[in-house]
Amino acid sequence: MGHTPAFYYDPDDEETLSTEVVTAIAEAHDEDVLDQKWIISKDINTDALDGLFQKRKFKTTLQFEADSTTVTITANKNGHPIIKIESHR
């Protein structure tokens, strides 16, 4: 298992954060979103994830393991999240 550099993803404000996490993981693994075998809702409560960063105006960080990755979501003081994916494949 080699070390893969961190992949940063700037979410689109039009999509839910959980959808953007799925997209970020797919892109970090150079996969099509629809071809992924990992299903976010089996590991993560998507409503809770979406709600945690929704309309928040403070700096927040959340980290979890999913689909052979470490996902770190950091929101700036305006609440805009950035997704960092570290692949462990």
Protein backbone atom coordinates (compact mmCIF):
# COMPACT_ATOMS: atom_id res chain seq x y z
CA MET A 1 0.00 0.00 0.00
CA GLY A 2 1.65 3.22 -1.15
CA HIS A 3 1.22 6.70 0.17
CA THR A 4 -1.17 8.83 -1.87
CA PRO A 5 -0.98 12.61 -1.55
CA ALA A 6 -3.95 14.35 0.00
CA PHE A 7 -6.72 15.31 -2.39
CA TYR A 8 -8.63 18.52 -1.70
CA TYR A 9 -12.16 19.08 -2.94
CA ASP A 10 -14.07 22.36 -2.81
CA PRO A 11 -17.77 21.45 -2.54
CA ASP A 12 -20.43 23.03 -4.72
CA ASP A 13 -22.95 24.99 -2.66
CA GLU A 14 -25.76 23.52 -4.78
CA GLU A 15 -25.21 19.93 -3.57
CA THR A 16 -25.52 18.37 -0.12
CA LEU A 17 -22.27 17.84 1.74
CA SER A 18 -22.80 14.07 1.83
CA THR A 19 -23.13 14.02 -1.98
CA GLU A 20 -19.96 16.08 -2.26
CA VAL A 21 -18.07 13.65 0.05
CA VAL A 22 -19.04 10.76 -2.24
CA THR A 23 -17.88 12.76 -5.26
CA ALA A 24 -14.60 13.73 -3.57
CA ILE A 25 -13.80 10.11 -2.65
CA ALA A 26 -14.57 8.95 -6.20
CA GLU A 27 -12.35 11.65 -7.70
CA ALA A 28 -9.53 10.92 -5.25
CA HIS A 29 -9.64 7.27 -6.33
CA ASP A 30 -9.97 8.22 -10.00
CA GLU A 31 -13.34 6.46 -10.18
CA ASP A 32 -16.73 7.39 -11.55
CA VAL A 33 -19.21 8.18 -8.79
CA LEU A 34 -21.72 5.68 -10.18
CA ASP A 35 -19.10 2.90 -10.34
CA GLN A 36 -18.20 3.10 -6.64
CA LYS A 37 -19.06 0.08 -4.53
CA TRP A 38 -18.99 2.10 -1.31
CA ILE A 39 -22.36 3.44 -0.17
CA ILE A 40 -22.06 6.40 2.19
CA SER A 41 -25.29 5.71 4.08
CA LYS A 42 -23.95 2.34 5.30
CA ASP A 43 -21.17 4.14 7.22
CA ILE A 44 -22.33 7.72 7.77
CA ASN A 45 -25.60 9.31 8.85
CA THR A 46 -25.96 11.61 5.86
CA ASP A 47 -28.64 13.78 7.45
CA ALA A 48 -26.37 14.44 10.43
CA LEU A 49 -23.39 15.19 8.16
CA ASP A 50 -25.40 17.59 6.01
CA GLY A 51 -26.89 19.30 9.06
CA LEU A 52 -23.58 19.69 10.88
CA PHE A 53 -22.20 22.13 8.33
CA GLN A 54 -25.47 23.64 7.11
CA LYS A 55 -25.86 27.35 7.85
CA ARG A 56 -23.09 27.31 10.44
CA LYS A 57 -20.99 30.44 10.78
CA PHE A 58 -18.09 29.09 12.79
CA LYS A 59 -14.91 27.13 12.15
CA THR A 60 -15.50 23.37 12.40
CA THR A 61 -13.52 20.20 11.64
CA LEU A 62 -14.84 16.66 11.28
CA GLN A 63 -12.74 13.58 10.48
CA PHE A 64 -13.84 10.02 9.74
CA GLU A 65 -12.72 6.86 7.90
CA ALA A 66 -14.63 5.80 4.79
CA ASP A 67 -13.88 3.64 1.73
CA SER A 68 -10.17 3.18 2.49
CA THR A 69 -9.74 6.91 3.09
CA THR A 70 -9.50 9.42 5.87
CA VAL A 71 -12.00 12.19 5.20
CA THR A 72 -11.40 15.54 6.88
CA ILE A 73 -13.96 18.28 6.44
CA THR A 74 -12.90 21.72 7.60
CA ALA A 75 -15.22 24.70 7.48
CA ASN A 76 -13.82 28.21 7.56
CA LYS A 77 -15.21 30.94 9.83
CA ASN A 78 -17.93 31.59 7.23
CA GLY A 79 -19.01 27.95 7.34
CA HIS A 80 -17.76 26.99 3.85
CA PRO A 81 -16.40 23.41 3.99
CA ILE A 82 -13.33 22.02 2.24
CA ILE A 83 -13.03 18.23 1.93
CA LYS A 84 -9.61 16.59 2.27
CA ILE A 85 -9.27 12.95 1.22
CA GLU A 86 -6.27 10.82 2.17
CA SER A 87 -6.46 7.51 0.34
CA HIS A 88 -5.13 4.37 2.00
CA ARG A 89 -5.39 2.19 -1.10
